[in-house]
């Protein structure tokens, strides 16, 4: 039952992340929603790899089914990559906030057409 509960929680986390991406207008909230959705995907992979009664994959522990280490290694890699991309995206948001003085997506989209004119250039 642990695998099924983990899969249900993972689907709920992905749904919450997508809802945050769609509804929120602030870039920080959108990045947090993206991170929650990615965490839900990681949890889903872990719940798919769950085997009841499996032992650690170490030689000499005896007979019986052993856990597959590959999904867990992929999940650890995904967690590191998610952290790195979130940190880089936060740096971009900080620079964007300093230059445009807002984190509102709709306002940034409105100002996007005006930006070259303010710099004195054209597209």
PDB file of N, CA and C in Angstrom:
ATOM      1  N   UNK A   1       0.817  -1.199   0.000  1.00  0.00           N
ATOM      2  CA  UNK A   1       0.000   0.000   0.000  1.00  0.00           C
ATOM      3  C   UNK A   1       0.860   1.261   0.000  1.00  0.00           C
ATOM      4  N   UNK A   2       2.124   1.155   0.443  1.00  0.00           N
ATOM      5  CA  UNK A   2       2.972   2.342   0.494  1.00  0.00           C
ATOM      6  C   UNK A   2       3.221   2.907  -0.893  1.00  0.00           C
ATOM      7  N   UNK A   3       3.398   2.018  -1.879  1.00  0.00           N
ATOM      8  CA  UNK A   3       3.635   2.469  -3.244  1.00  0.00           C
ATOM      9  C   UNK A   3       2.442   3.212  -3.811  1.00  0.00           C
ATOM     10  N   UNK A   4       1.234   2.734  -3.506  1.00  0.00           N
ATOM     11  CA  UNK A   4       0.028   3.387  -4.003  1.00  0.00           C
ATOM     12  C   UNK A   4      -0.197   4.740  -3.331  1.00  0.00           C
ATOM     13  N   UNK A   5       0.074   4.818  -2.047  1.00  0.00           N
ATOM     14  CA  UNK A   5      -0.068   6.093  -1.335  1.00  0.00           C
ATOM     15  C   UNK A   5       0.957   7.098  -1.832  1.00  0.00           C
ATOM     16  N   UNK A   6       2.165   6.638  -2.103  1.00  0.00           N
ATOM     17  CA  UNK A   6       3.193   7.525  -2.651  1.00  0.00           C
ATOM     18  C   UNK A   6       2.830   8.029  -4.032  1.00  0.00           C
ATOM     19  N   UNK A   7       2.253   7.153  -4.861  1.00  0.00           N
ATOM     20  CA  UNK A   7       1.846   7.568  -6.206  1.00  0.00           C
ATOM     21  C   UNK A   7       0.702   8.584  -6.134  1.00  0.00           C
ATOM     22  N   UNK A   8      -0.232   8.369  -5.214  1.00  0.00           N
ATOM     23  CA  UNK A   8      -1.339   9.321  -5.068  1.00  0.00           C
ATOM     24  C   UNK A   8      -0.835  10.682  -4.590  1.00  0.00           C
ATOM     25  N   UNK A   9       0.074  10.674  -3.630  1.00  0.00           N
ATOM     26  CA  UNK A   9       0.651  11.932  -3.147  1.00  0.00           C
ATOM     27  C   UNK A   9       1.459  12.613  -4.246  1.00  0.00           C
ATOM     28  N   UNK A  10       2.158  11.820  -5.054  1.00  0.00           N
ATOM     29  CA  UNK A  10       2.937  12.387  -6.156  1.00  0.00           C
ATOM     30  C   UNK A  10       2.036  13.060  -7.176  1.00  0.00           C
ATOM     31  N   UNK A  11       0.930  12.438  -7.501  1.00  0.00           N
ATOM     32  CA  UNK A  11      -0.013  13.030  -8.454  1.00  0.00           C
ATOM     33  C   UNK A  11      -0.603  14.312  -7.879  1.00  0.00           C
ATOM     34  N   UNK A  12      -0.880  14.314  -6.571  1.00  0.00           N
ATOM     35  CA  UNK A  12      -1.397  15.531  -5.939  1.00  0.00           C
ATOM     36  C   UNK A  12      -0.353  16.656  -5.973  1.00  0.00           C
ATOM     37  N   UNK A  13       0.911  16.330  -5.747  1.00  0.00           N
ATOM     38  CA  UNK A  13       1.971  17.345  -5.789  1.00  0.00           C
ATOM     39  C   UNK A  13       2.158  17.908  -7.196  1.00  0.00           C
ATOM     40  N   UNK A  14       2.113  17.047  -8.200  1.00  0.00           N
ATOM     41  CA  UNK A  14       2.228  17.525  -9.584  1.00  0.00           C
ATOM     42  C   UNK A  14       1.041  18.423  -9.919  1.00  0.00           C
ATOM     43  N   UNK A  15      -0.152  18.039  -9.485  1.00  0.00           N
ATOM     44  CA  UNK A  15      -1.332  18.879  -9.714  1.00  0.00           C
ATOM     45  C   UNK A  15      -1.227  20.224  -9.019  1.00  0.00           C
ATOM     46  N   UNK A  16      -0.738  20.230  -7.784  1.00  0.00           N
ATOM     47  CA  UNK A  16      -0.559  21.482  -7.052  1.00  0.00           C
ATOM     48  C   UNK A  16       0.476  22.370  -7.740  1.00  0.00           C
ATOM     49  N   UNK A  17       1.559  21.768  -8.212  1.00  0.00           N
ATOM     50  CA  UNK A  17       2.581  22.532  -8.927  1.00  0.00           C
ATOM     51  C   UNK A  17       2.046  23.135 -10.216  1.00  0.00           C
ATOM     52  N   UNK A  18       1.284  22.357 -10.985  1.00  0.00           N
ATOM     53  CA  UNK A  18       0.692  22.884 -12.218  1.00  0.00           C
ATOM     54  C   UNK A  18      -0.318  23.986 -11.930  1.00  0.00           C
ATOM     55  N   UNK A  19      -1.111  23.794 -10.869  1.00  0.00           N
ATOM     56  CA  UNK A  19      -2.083  24.827 -10.507  1.00  0.00           C
ATOM     57  C   UNK A  19      -1.368  26.133 -10.152  1.00  0.00           C
ATOM     58  N   UNK A  20      -0.271  26.033  -9.410  1.00  0.00           N
ATOM     59  CA  UNK A  20       0.494  27.226  -9.043  1.00  0.00           C
ATOM     60  C   UNK A  20       1.085  27.893 -10.280  1.00  0.00           C
ATOM     61  N   UNK A  21       1.579  27.103 -11.229  1.00  0.00           N
ATOM     62  CA  UNK A  21       2.127  27.674 -12.456  1.00  0.00           C
ATOM     63  C   UNK A  21       1.066  28.425 -13.249  1.00  0.00           C
ATOM     64  N   UNK A  22      -0.157  27.920 -13.253  1.00  0.00           N
ATOM     65  CA  UNK A  22      -1.220  28.532 -14.059  1.00  0.00           C
ATOM     66  C   UNK A  22      -1.826  29.739 -13.363  1.00  0.00           C
ATOM     67  N   UNK A  23      -2.077  29.650 -12.066  1.00  0.00           N
ATOM     68  CA  UNK A  23      -2.859  30.678 -11.368  1.00  0.00           C
ATOM     69  C   UNK A  23      -2.016  31.856 -10.895  1.00  0.00           C
ATOM     70  N   UNK A  24      -0.857  31.614 -10.344  1.00  0.00           N
ATOM     71  CA  UNK A  24      -0.055  32.692  -9.750  1.00  0.00           C
ATOM     72  C   UNK A  24       0.578  33.571 -10.810  1.00  0.00           C
ATOM     73  N   UNK A  25       0.744  34.851 -10.488  1.00  0.00           N
ATOM     74  CA  UNK A  25       1.348  35.801 -11.416  1.00  0.00           C
ATOM     75  C   UNK A  25       2.776  36.159 -11.038  1.00  0.00           C
ATOM     76  N   UNK A  26       3.173  35.873  -9.818  1.00  0.00           N
ATOM     77  CA  UNK A  26       4.500  36.209  -9.340  1.00  0.00           C
ATOM     78  C   UNK A  26       5.505  35.154  -9.808  1.00  0.00           C
ATOM     79  N   UNK A  27       6.673  35.586 -10.282  1.00  0.00           N
ATOM     80  CA  UNK A  27       7.668  34.652 -10.798  1.00  0.00           C
ATOM     81  C   UNK A  27       8.219  33.724  -9.725  1.00  0.00           C
ATOM     82  N   UNK A  28       8.373  34.213  -8.507  1.00  0.00           N
ATOM     83  CA  UNK A  28       8.875  33.363  -7.421  1.00  0.00           C
ATOM     84  C   UNK A  28       7.892  32.235  -7.139  1.00  0.00           C
ATOM     85  N   UNK A  29       6.604  32.568  -7.090  1.00  0.00           N
ATOM     86  CA  UNK A  29       5.587  31.541  -6.867  1.00  0.00           C
ATOM     87  C   UNK A  29       5.575  30.534  -8.004  1.00  0.00           C
ATOM     88  N   UNK A  30       5.773  31.011  -9.245  1.00  0.00           N
ATOM     89  CA  UNK A  30       5.817  30.092 -10.378  1.00  0.00           C
ATOM     90  C   UNK A  30       7.005  29.141 -10.273  1.00  0.00           C
ATOM     91  N   UNK A  31       8.156  29.646  -9.839  1.00  0.00           N
ATOM     92  CA  UNK A  31       9.309  28.775  -9.658  1.00  0.00           C
ATOM     93  C   UNK A  31       9.077  27.764  -8.534  1.00  0.00           C
ATOM     94  N   UNK A  32       8.446  28.200  -7.455  1.00  0.00           N
ATOM     95  CA  UNK A  32       8.130  27.268  -6.369  1.00  0.00           C
ATOM     96  C   UNK A  32       7.147  26.195  -6.835  1.00  0.00           C
ATOM     97  N   UNK A  33       6.157  26.585  -7.635  1.00  0.00           N
ATOM     98  CA  UNK A  33       5.223  25.608  -8.187  1.00  0.00           C
ATOM     99  C   UNK A  33       5.906  24.615  -9.100  1.00  0.00           C
ATOM    100  N   UNK A  34       6.852  25.112  -9.894  1.00  0.00           N
ATOM    101  CA  UNK A  34       7.613  24.227 -10.762  1.00  0.00           C
ATOM    102  C   UNK A  34       8.447  23.247  -9.935  1.00  0.00           C
ATOM    103  N   UNK A  35       9.011  23.712  -8.836  1.00  0.00           N
ATOM    104  CA  UNK A  35       9.802  22.850  -7.960  1.00  0.00           C
ATOM    105  C   UNK A  35       8.922  21.809  -7.264  1.00  0.00           C
ATOM    106  N   UNK A  36       7.733  22.200  -6.846  1.00  0.00           N
ATOM    107  CA  UNK A  36       6.809  21.246  -6.218  1.00  0.00           C
ATOM    108  C   UNK A  36       6.385  20.179  -7.222  1.00  0.00           C
ATOM    109  N   UNK A  37       6.106  20.587  -8.458  1.00  0.00           N
ATOM    110  CA  UNK A  37       5.748  19.620  -9.492  1.00  0.00           C
ATOM    111  C   UNK A  37       6.883  18.653  -9.796  1.00  0.00           C
ATOM    112  N   UNK A  38       8.112  19.158  -9.844  1.00  0.00           N
ATOM    113  CA  UNK A  38       9.268  18.289 -10.075  1.00  0.00           C
ATOM    114  C   UNK A  38       9.469  17.334  -8.902  1.00  0.00           C
ATOM    115  N   UNK A  39       9.217  17.804  -7.686  1.00  0.00           N
ATOM    116  CA  UNK A  39       9.318  16.916  -6.518  1.00  0.00           C
ATOM    117  C   UNK A  39       8.252  15.831  -6.572  1.00  0.00           C
ATOM    118  N   UNK A  40       7.072  16.171  -7.076  1.00  0.00           N
ATOM    119  CA  UNK A  40       6.033  15.164  -7.254  1.00  0.00           C
ATOM    120  C   UNK A  40       6.430  14.108  -8.273  1.00  0.00           C
ATOM    121  N   UNK A  41       7.101  14.532  -9.343  1.00  0.00           N
ATOM    122  CA  UNK A  41       7.573  13.570 -10.339  1.00  0.00           C
ATOM    123  C   UNK A  41       8.642  12.653  -9.754  1.00  0.00           C
ATOM    124  N   UNK A  42       9.526  13.208  -8.934  1.00  0.00           N
ATOM    125  CA  UNK A  42      10.562  12.402  -8.276  1.00  0.00           C
ATOM    126  C   UNK A  42       9.911  11.407  -7.319  1.00  0.00           C
ATOM    127  N   UNK A  43       8.929  11.848  -6.554  1.00  0.00           N
ATOM    128  CA  UNK A  43       8.230  10.947  -5.635  1.00  0.00           C
ATOM    129  C   UNK A  43       7.501   9.850  -6.397  1.00  0.00           C
ATOM    130  N   UNK A  44       6.956  10.168  -7.557  1.00  0.00           N
ATOM    131  CA  UNK A  44       6.285   9.160  -8.367  1.00  0.00           C
ATOM    132  C   UNK A  44       7.271   8.085  -8.825  1.00  0.00           C
ATOM    133  N   UNK A  45       8.471   8.506  -9.225  1.00  0.00           N
ATOM    134  CA  UNK A  45       9.484   7.526  -9.622  1.00  0.00           C
ATOM    135  C   UNK A  45       9.897   6.640  -8.454  1.00  0.00           C
ATOM    136  N   UNK A  46      10.023   7.226  -7.288  1.00  0.00           N
ATOM    137  CA  UNK A  46      10.381   6.430  -6.109  1.00  0.00           C
ATOM    138  C   UNK A  46       9.260   5.459  -5.758  1.00  0.00           C
ATOM    139  N   UNK A  47       8.018   5.885  -5.853  1.00  0.00           N
ATOM    140  CA  UNK A  47       6.906   4.994  -5.514  1.00  0.00           C
ATOM    141  C   UNK A  47       6.753   3.874  -6.541  1.00  0.00           C
ATOM    142  N   UNK A  48       7.136   4.127  -7.802  1.00  0.00           N
ATOM    143  CA  UNK A  48       7.097   3.046  -8.789  1.00  0.00           C
ATOM    144  C   UNK A  48       8.179   2.005  -8.522  1.00  0.00           C
ATOM    145  N   UNK A  49       9.300   2.410  -7.965  1.00  0.00           N
ATOM    146  CA  UNK A  49      10.402   1.491  -7.700  1.00  0.00           C
ATOM    147  C   UNK A  49      10.215   0.709  -6.401  1.00  0.00           C
ATOM    148  N   UNK A  50       9.167   0.993  -5.641  1.00  0.00           N
ATOM    149  CA  UNK A  50       8.945   0.324  -4.356  1.00  0.00           C
ATOM    150  C   UNK A  50       8.601  -1.153  -4.579  1.00  0.00           C
ATOM    151  N   UNK A  51       9.295  -2.025  -3.855  1.00  0.00           N
ATOM    152  CA  UNK A  51       9.011  -3.463  -3.856  1.00  0.00           C
ATOM    153  C   UNK A  51       8.802  -3.899  -2.414  1.00  0.00           C
ATOM    154  N   UNK A  52       7.629  -4.403  -2.085  1.00  0.00           N
ATOM    155  CA  UNK A  52       7.415  -4.861  -0.705  1.00  0.00           C
ATOM    156  C   UNK A  52       8.329  -6.044  -0.365  1.00  0.00           C
ATOM    157  N   UNK A  53       8.973  -5.976   0.752  1.00  0.00           N
ATOM    158  CA  UNK A  53       9.814  -7.063   1.225  1.00  0.00           C
ATOM    159  C   UNK A  53      11.168  -7.145   0.561  1.00  0.00           C
ATOM    160  N   UNK A  54      11.555  -6.152  -0.201  1.00  0.00           N
ATOM    161  CA  UNK A  54      12.846  -6.197  -0.889  1.00  0.00           C
ATOM    162  C   UNK A  54      13.961  -5.839   0.088  1.00  0.00           C
ATOM    163  N   UNK A  55      15.096  -6.489  -0.091  1.00  0.00           N
ATOM    164  CA  UNK A  55      16.256  -6.218   0.745  1.00  0.00           C
ATOM    165  C   UNK A  55      17.184  -5.263  -0.002  1.00  0.00           C
ATOM    166  N   UNK A  56      18.114  -4.637   0.686  1.00  0.00           N
ATOM    167  CA  UNK A  56      19.077  -3.760  -0.003  1.00  0.00           C
ATOM    168  C   UNK A  56      19.929  -4.560  -0.991  1.00  0.00           C
ATOM    169  N   UNK A  57      20.299  -3.971  -2.097  1.00  0.00           N
ATOM    170  CA  UNK A  57      21.064  -4.713  -3.113  1.00  0.00           C
ATOM    171  C   UNK A  57      22.548  -4.823  -2.761  1.00  0.00           C
ATOM    172  N   UNK A  58      22.840  -5.521  -1.672  1.00  0.00           N
ATOM    173  CA  UNK A  58      24.219  -5.720  -1.227  1.00  0.00           C
ATOM    174  C   UNK A  58      24.508  -7.219  -1.285  1.00  0.00           C
ATOM    175  N   UNK A  59      25.640  -7.588  -1.856  1.00  0.00           N
ATOM    176  CA  UNK A  59      25.991  -9.000  -1.986  1.00  0.00           C
ATOM    177  C   UNK A  59      26.216  -9.620  -0.607  1.00  0.00           C
ATOM    178  N   UNK A  60      25.723 -10.841  -0.441  1.00  0.00           N
ATOM    179  CA  UNK A  60      25.952 -11.567   0.791  1.00  0.00           C
ATOM    180  C   UNK A  60      24.857 -11.412   1.828  1.00  0.00           C
ATOM    181  N   UNK A  61      23.758 -10.728   1.512  1.00  0.00           N
ATOM    182  CA  UNK A  61      22.683 -10.558   2.495  1.00  0.00           C
ATOM    183  C   UNK A  61      21.688 -11.704   2.473  1.00  0.00           C
ATOM    184  N   UNK A  62      21.853 -12.633   1.549  1.00  0.00           N
ATOM    185  CA  UNK A  62      20.965 -13.784   1.534  1.00  0.00           C
ATOM    186  C   UNK A  62      20.027 -13.776   0.345  1.00  0.00           C
ATOM    187  N   UNK A  63      19.218 -14.853   0.263  1.00  0.00           N
ATOM    188  CA  UNK A  63      18.300 -14.963  -0.878  1.00  0.00           C
ATOM    189  C   UNK A  63      17.092 -14.052  -0.716  1.00  0.00           C
ATOM    190  N   UNK A  64      16.371 -13.933  -1.799  1.00  0.00           N
ATOM    191  CA  UNK A  64      15.167 -13.121  -1.794  1.00  0.00           C
ATOM    192  C   UNK A  64      15.274 -11.965  -2.772  1.00  0.00           C
ATOM    193  N   UNK A  65      14.155 -11.308  -2.995  1.00  0.00           N
ATOM    194  CA  UNK A  65      14.183 -10.199  -3.957  1.00  0.00           C
ATOM    195  C   UNK A  65      14.965  -9.005  -3.406  1.00  0.00           C
ATOM    196  N   UNK A  66      15.706  -8.386  -4.273  1.00  0.00           N
ATOM    197  CA  UNK A  66      16.460  -7.204  -3.840  1.00  0.00           C
ATOM    198  C   UNK A  66      15.911  -5.973  -4.553  1.00  0.00           C
ATOM    199  N   UNK A  67      16.113  -4.839  -3.941  1.00  0.00           N
ATOM    200  CA  UNK A  67      15.643  -3.582  -4.517  1.00  0.00           C
ATOM    201  C   UNK A  67      16.539  -3.201  -5.695  1.00  0.00           C
ATOM    202  N   UNK A  68      15.941  -2.574  -6.691  1.00  0.00           N
ATOM    203  CA  UNK A  68      16.690  -2.124  -7.863  1.00  0.00           C
ATOM    204  C   UNK A  68      17.306  -0.755  -7.547  1.00  0.00           C
ATOM    205  N   UNK A  69      18.631  -0.602  -7.583  1.00  0.00           N
ATOM    206  CA  UNK A  69      19.246   0.670  -7.224  1.00  0.00           C
ATOM    207  C   UNK A  69      19.190   1.723  -8.322  1.00  0.00           C
ATOM    208  N   UNK A  70      18.894   1.333  -9.560  1.00  0.00           N
ATOM    209  CA  UNK A  70      18.922   2.283 -10.669  1.00  0.00           C
ATOM    210  C   UNK A  70      17.892   3.408 -10.529  1.00  0.00           C
ATOM    211  N   UNK A  71      16.618   3.137 -10.205  1.00  0.00           N
ATOM    212  CA  UNK A  71      15.675   4.259 -10.055  1.00  0.00           C
ATOM    213  C   UNK A  71      16.091   5.249  -8.967  1.00  0.00           C
ATOM    214  N   UNK A  72      16.664   4.741  -7.896  1.00  0.00           N
ATOM    215  CA  UNK A  72      17.078   5.632  -6.817  1.00  0.00           C
ATOM    216  C   UNK A  72      18.275   6.482  -7.231  1.00  0.00           C
ATOM    217  N   UNK A  73      19.180   5.913  -8.009  1.00  0.00           N
ATOM    218  CA  UNK A  73      20.307   6.699  -8.521  1.00  0.00           C
ATOM    219  C   UNK A  73      19.820   7.779  -9.477  1.00  0.00           C
ATOM    220  N   UNK A  74      18.847   7.448 -10.309  1.00  0.00           N
ATOM    221  CA  UNK A  74      18.285   8.446 -11.227  1.00  0.00           C
ATOM    222  C   UNK A  74      17.552   9.544 -10.476  1.00  0.00           C
ATOM    223  N   UNK A  75      16.865   9.171  -9.406  1.00  0.00           N
ATOM    224  CA  UNK A  75      16.149  10.152  -8.599  1.00  0.00           C
ATOM    225  C   UNK A  75      17.121  11.104  -7.911  1.00  0.00           C
ATOM    226  N   UNK A  76      18.222  10.578  -7.384  1.00  0.00           N
ATOM    227  CA  UNK A  76      19.218  11.451  -6.758  1.00  0.00           C
ATOM    228  C   UNK A  76      19.805  12.427  -7.773  1.00  0.00           C
ATOM    229  N   UNK A  77      20.048  11.957  -8.984  1.00  0.00           N
ATOM    230  CA  UNK A  77      20.536  12.837 -10.041  1.00  0.00           C
ATOM    231  C   UNK A  77      19.499  13.900 -10.379  1.00  0.00           C
ATOM    232  N   UNK A  78      18.235  13.500 -10.445  1.00  0.00           N
ATOM    233  CA  UNK A  78      17.167  14.456 -10.747  1.00  0.00           C
ATOM    234  C   UNK A  78      17.035  15.516  -9.660  1.00  0.00           C
ATOM    235  N   UNK A  79      17.208  15.131  -8.411  1.00  0.00           N
ATOM    236  CA  UNK A  79      17.127  16.092  -7.311  1.00  0.00           C
ATOM    237  C   UNK A  79      18.241  17.129  -7.421  1.00  0.00           C
ATOM    238  N   UNK A  80      19.453  16.678  -7.732  1.00  0.00           N
ATOM    239  CA  UNK A  80      20.572  17.611  -7.872  1.00  0.00           C
ATOM    240  C   UNK A  80      20.346  18.559  -9.047  1.00  0.00           C
ATOM    241  N   UNK A  81      19.867  18.030 -10.161  1.00  0.00           N
ATOM    242  CA  UNK A  81      19.607  18.876 -11.330  1.00  0.00           C
ATOM    243  C   UNK A  81      18.483  19.857 -11.044  1.00  0.00           C
ATOM    244  N   UNK A  82      17.422  19.415 -10.349  1.00  0.00           N
ATOM    245  CA  UNK A  82      16.327  20.330  -9.979  1.00  0.00           C
ATOM    246  C   UNK A  82      16.836  21.467  -9.100  1.00  0.00           C
ATOM    247  N   UNK A  83      17.690  21.144  -8.149  1.00  0.00           N
ATOM    248  CA  UNK A  83      18.237  22.174  -7.272  1.00  0.00           C
ATOM    249  C   UNK A  83      19.069  23.183  -8.055  1.00  0.00           C
ATOM    250  N   UNK A  84      19.900  22.688  -8.962  1.00  0.00           N
ATOM    251  CA  UNK A  84      20.767  23.576  -9.737  1.00  0.00           C
ATOM    252  C   UNK A  84      19.951  24.480 -10.663  1.00  0.00           C
ATOM    253  N   UNK A  85      18.941  23.936 -11.324  1.00  0.00           N
ATOM    254  CA  UNK A  85      18.131  24.763 -12.218  1.00  0.00           C
ATOM    255  C   UNK A  85      17.284  25.757 -11.435  1.00  0.00           C
ATOM    256  N   UNK A  86      16.809  25.366 -10.260  1.00  0.00           N
ATOM    257  CA  UNK A  86      16.060  26.315  -9.434  1.00  0.00           C
ATOM    258  C   UNK A  86      16.948  27.458  -8.978  1.00  0.00           C
ATOM    259  N   UNK A  87      18.174  27.158  -8.570  1.00  0.00           N
ATOM    260  CA  UNK A  87      19.101  28.215  -8.150  1.00  0.00           C
ATOM    261  C   UNK A  87      19.408  29.161  -9.301  1.00  0.00           C
ATOM    262  N   UNK A  88      19.640  28.626 -10.496  1.00  0.00           N
ATOM    263  CA  UNK A  88      19.915  29.466 -11.659  1.00  0.00           C
ATOM    264  C   UNK A  88      18.701  30.311 -12.030  1.00  0.00           C
ATOM    265  N   UNK A  89      17.512  29.724 -11.978  1.00  0.00           N
ATOM    266  CA  UNK A  89      16.300  30.480 -12.291  1.00  0.00           C
ATOM    267  C   UNK A  89      16.064  31.587 -11.274  1.00  0.00           C
ATOM    268  N   UNK A  90      16.346  31.338 -10.005  1.00  0.00           N
ATOM    269  CA  UNK A  90      16.202  32.384  -8.998  1.00  0.00           C
ATOM    270  C   UNK A  90      17.174  33.534  -9.241  1.00  0.00           C
ATOM    271  N   UNK A  91      18.376  33.231  -9.701  1.00  0.00           N
ATOM    272  CA  UNK A  91      19.326  34.288 -10.036  1.00  0.00           C
ATOM    273  C   UNK A  91      18.786  35.129 -11.193  1.00  0.00           C
ATOM    274  N   UNK A  92      18.224  34.463 -12.210  1.00  0.00           N
ATOM    275  CA  UNK A  92      17.633  35.202 -13.331  1.00  0.00           C
ATOM    276  C   UNK A  92      16.463  36.073 -12.876  1.00  0.00           C
ATOM    277  N   UNK A  93      15.656  35.562 -11.968  1.00  0.00           N
ATOM    278  CA  UNK A  93      14.522  36.355 -11.465  1.00  0.00           C
ATOM    279  C   UNK A  93      15.021  37.561 -10.677  1.00  0.00           C
ATOM    280  N   UNK A  94      16.084  37.398  -9.916  1.00  0.00           N
ATOM    281  CA  UNK A  94      16.645  38.531  -9.175  1.00  0.00           C
ATOM    282  C   UNK A  94      17.133  39.605 -10.132  1.00  0.00           C
ATOM    283  N   UNK A  95      17.855  39.197 -11.188  1.00  0.00           N
ATOM    284  CA  UNK A  95      18.322  40.183 -12.170  1.00  0.00           C
ATOM    285  C   UNK A  95      17.154  40.851 -12.890  1.00  0.00           C
ATOM    286  N   UNK A  96      16.134  40.076 -13.228  1.00  0.00           N
ATOM    287  CA  UNK A  96      14.960  40.627 -13.895  1.00  0.00           C
ATOM    288  C   UNK A  96      14.223  41.592 -12.981  1.00  0.00           C
ATOM    289  N   UNK A  97      14.121  41.262 -11.708  1.00  0.00           N
ATOM    290  CA  UNK A  97      13.458  42.137 -10.752  1.00  0.00           C
ATOM    291  C   UNK A  97      14.230  43.435 -10.571  1.00  0.00           C
ATOM    292  N   UNK A  98      15.548  43.361 -10.540  1.00  0.00           N
ATOM    293  CA  UNK A  98      16.341  44.578 -10.395  1.00  0.00           C
ATOM    294  C   UNK A  98      16.240  45.474 -11.629  1.00  0.00           C
ATOM    295  N   UNK A  99      16.150  44.875 -12.806  1.00  0.00           N
ATOM    296  CA  UNK A  99      16.110  45.695 -14.017  1.00  0.00           C
ATOM    297  C   UNK A  99      14.705  46.192 -14.345  1.00  0.00           C
ATOM    298  N   UNK A 100      13.682  45.398 -14.088  1.00  0.00           N
ATOM    299  CA  UNK A 100      12.307  45.778 -14.441  1.00  0.00           C
ATOM    300  C   UNK A 100      11.476  46.249 -13.254  1.00  0.00           C
ATOM    301  N   UNK A 101      11.946  46.053 -12.051  1.00  0.00           N
ATOM    302  CA  UNK A 101      11.267  46.476 -10.812  1.00  0.00           C
ATOM    303  C   UNK A 101       9.920  45.791 -10.594  1.00  0.00           C
ATOM    304  N   UNK A 102       9.738  44.580 -11.117  1.00  0.00           N
ATOM    305  CA  UNK A 102       8.515  43.831 -10.888  1.00  0.00           C
ATOM    306  C   UNK A 102       8.778  42.341 -11.079  1.00  0.00           C
ATOM    307  N   UNK A 103       7.895  41.530 -10.458  1.00  0.00           N
ATOM    308  CA  UNK A 103       7.914  40.089 -10.669  1.00  0.00           C
ATOM    309  C   UNK A 103       6.583  39.612 -11.234  1.00  0.00           C
ATOM    310  N   UNK A 104       5.697  40.547 -11.558  1.00  0.00           N
ATOM    311  CA  UNK A 104       4.390  40.214 -12.101  1.00  0.00           C
ATOM    312  C   UNK A 104       4.535  39.842 -13.576  1.00  0.00           C
ATOM    313  N   UNK A 105       4.075  38.654 -13.927  1.00  0.00           N
ATOM    314  CA  UNK A 105       4.247  38.147 -15.284  1.00  0.00           C
ATOM    315  C   UNK A 105       3.469  38.995 -16.291  1.00  0.00           C
ATOM    316  N   UNK A 106       2.259  39.373 -15.961  1.00  0.00           N
ATOM    317  CA  UNK A 106       1.447  40.161 -16.910  1.00  0.00           C
ATOM    318  C   UNK A 106       2.069  41.537 -17.162  1.00  0.00           C
ATOM    319  N   UNK A 107       2.587  42.139 -16.115  1.00  0.00           N
ATOM    320  CA  UNK A 107       3.235  43.439 -16.288  1.00  0.00           C
ATOM    321  C   UNK A 107       4.519  43.299 -17.114  1.00  0.00           C
ATOM    322  N   UNK A 108       5.261  42.233 -16.893  1.00  0.00           N
ATOM    323  CA  UNK A 108       6.465  41.997 -17.687  1.00  0.00           C
ATOM    324  C   UNK A 108       6.133  41.763 -19.157  1.00  0.00           C
ATOM    325  N   UNK A 109       5.032  41.053 -19.428  1.00  0.00           N
ATOM    326  CA  UNK A 109       4.615  40.837 -20.814  1.00  0.00           C
ATOM    327  C   UNK A 109       4.181  42.146 -21.471  1.00  0.00           C
ATOM    328  N   UNK A 110       3.509  43.024 -20.712  1.00  0.00           N
ATOM    329  CA  UNK A 110       3.106  44.329 -21.256  1.00  0.00           C
ATOM    330  C   UNK A 110       4.325  45.184 -21.559  1.00  0.00           C
ATOM    331  N   UNK A 111       5.297  45.171 -20.650  1.00  0.00           N
ATOM    332  CA  UNK A 111       6.483  46.002 -20.812  1.00  0.00           C
ATOM    333  C   UNK A 111       7.445  45.456 -21.852  1.00  0.00           C
ATOM    334  N   UNK A 112       7.279  44.220 -22.255  1.00  0.00           N
ATOM    335  CA  UNK A 112       8.210  43.625 -23.201  1.00  0.00           C
ATOM    336  C   UNK A 112       8.193  44.369 -24.533  1.00  0.00           C
ATOM    337  N   UNK A 113       7.042  44.829 -24.967  1.00  0.00           N
ATOM    338  CA  UNK A 113       6.956  45.584 -26.210  1.00  0.00           C
ATOM    339  C   UNK A 113       7.553  46.977 -26.091  1.00  0.00           C
ATOM    340  N   UNK A 114       7.551  47.541 -24.901  1.00  0.00           N
ATOM    341  CA  UNK A 114       8.053  48.899 -24.688  1.00  0.00           C
ATOM    342  C   UNK A 114       9.553  48.914 -24.401  1.00  0.00           C
ATOM    343  N   UNK A 115      10.145  47.793 -24.069  1.00  0.00           N
ATOM    344  CA  UNK A 115      11.524  47.772 -23.600  1.00  0.00           C
ATOM    345  C   UNK A 115      12.533  48.318 -24.619  1.00  0.00           C
ATOM    346  N   UNK A 116      12.510  47.925 -25.893  1.00  0.00           N
ATOM    347  CA  UNK A 116      13.506  48.472 -26.829  1.00  0.00           C
ATOM    348  C   UNK A 116      13.367  49.979 -27.038  1.00  0.00           C
ATOM    349  N   UNK A 117      12.135  50.498 -26.991  1.00  0.00           N
ATOM    350  CA  UNK A 117      11.938  51.933 -27.171  1.00  0.00           C
ATOM    351  C   UNK A 117      12.548  52.730 -26.023  1.00  0.00           C
ATOM    352  N   UNK A 118      12.458  52.162 -24.817  1.00  0.00           N
ATOM    353  CA  UNK A 118      13.035  52.858 -23.671  1.00  0.00           C
ATOM    354  C   UNK A 118      14.560  52.890 -23.736  1.00  0.00           C
ATOM    355  N   UNK A 119      15.139  51.907 -24.401  1.00  0.00           N
ATOM    356  CA  UNK A 119      16.582  51.882 -24.528  1.00  0.00           C
ATOM    357  C   UNK A 119      17.057  52.731 -25.713  1.00  0.00           C
ATOM    358  N   UNK A 120      16.119  53.201 -26.523  1.00  0.00           N
ATOM    359  CA  UNK A 120      16.492  54.043 -27.659  1.00  0.00           C
ATOM    360  C   UNK A 120      16.748  53.238 -28.915  1.00  0.00           C
ATOM    361  N   UNK A 121      16.486  51.953 -28.895  1.00  0.00           N
ATOM    362  CA  UNK A 121      16.712  51.120 -30.071  1.00  0.00           C
ATOM    363  C   UNK A 121      15.395  50.603 -30.623  1.00  0.00           C
ATOM    364  N   UNK A 122      15.484  49.777 -31.623  1.00  0.00           N
ATOM    365  CA  UNK A 122      14.283  49.156 -32.188  1.00  0.00           C
ATOM    366  C   UNK A 122      14.532  47.677 -32.337  1.00  0.00           C
ATOM    367  N   UNK A 123      13.460  46.945 -32.593  1.00  0.00           N
ATOM    368  CA  UNK A 123      13.578  45.493 -32.737  1.00  0.00           C
ATOM    369  C   UNK A 123      14.099  45.115 -34.062  1.00  0.00           C
TER     370      UNK A 123
END
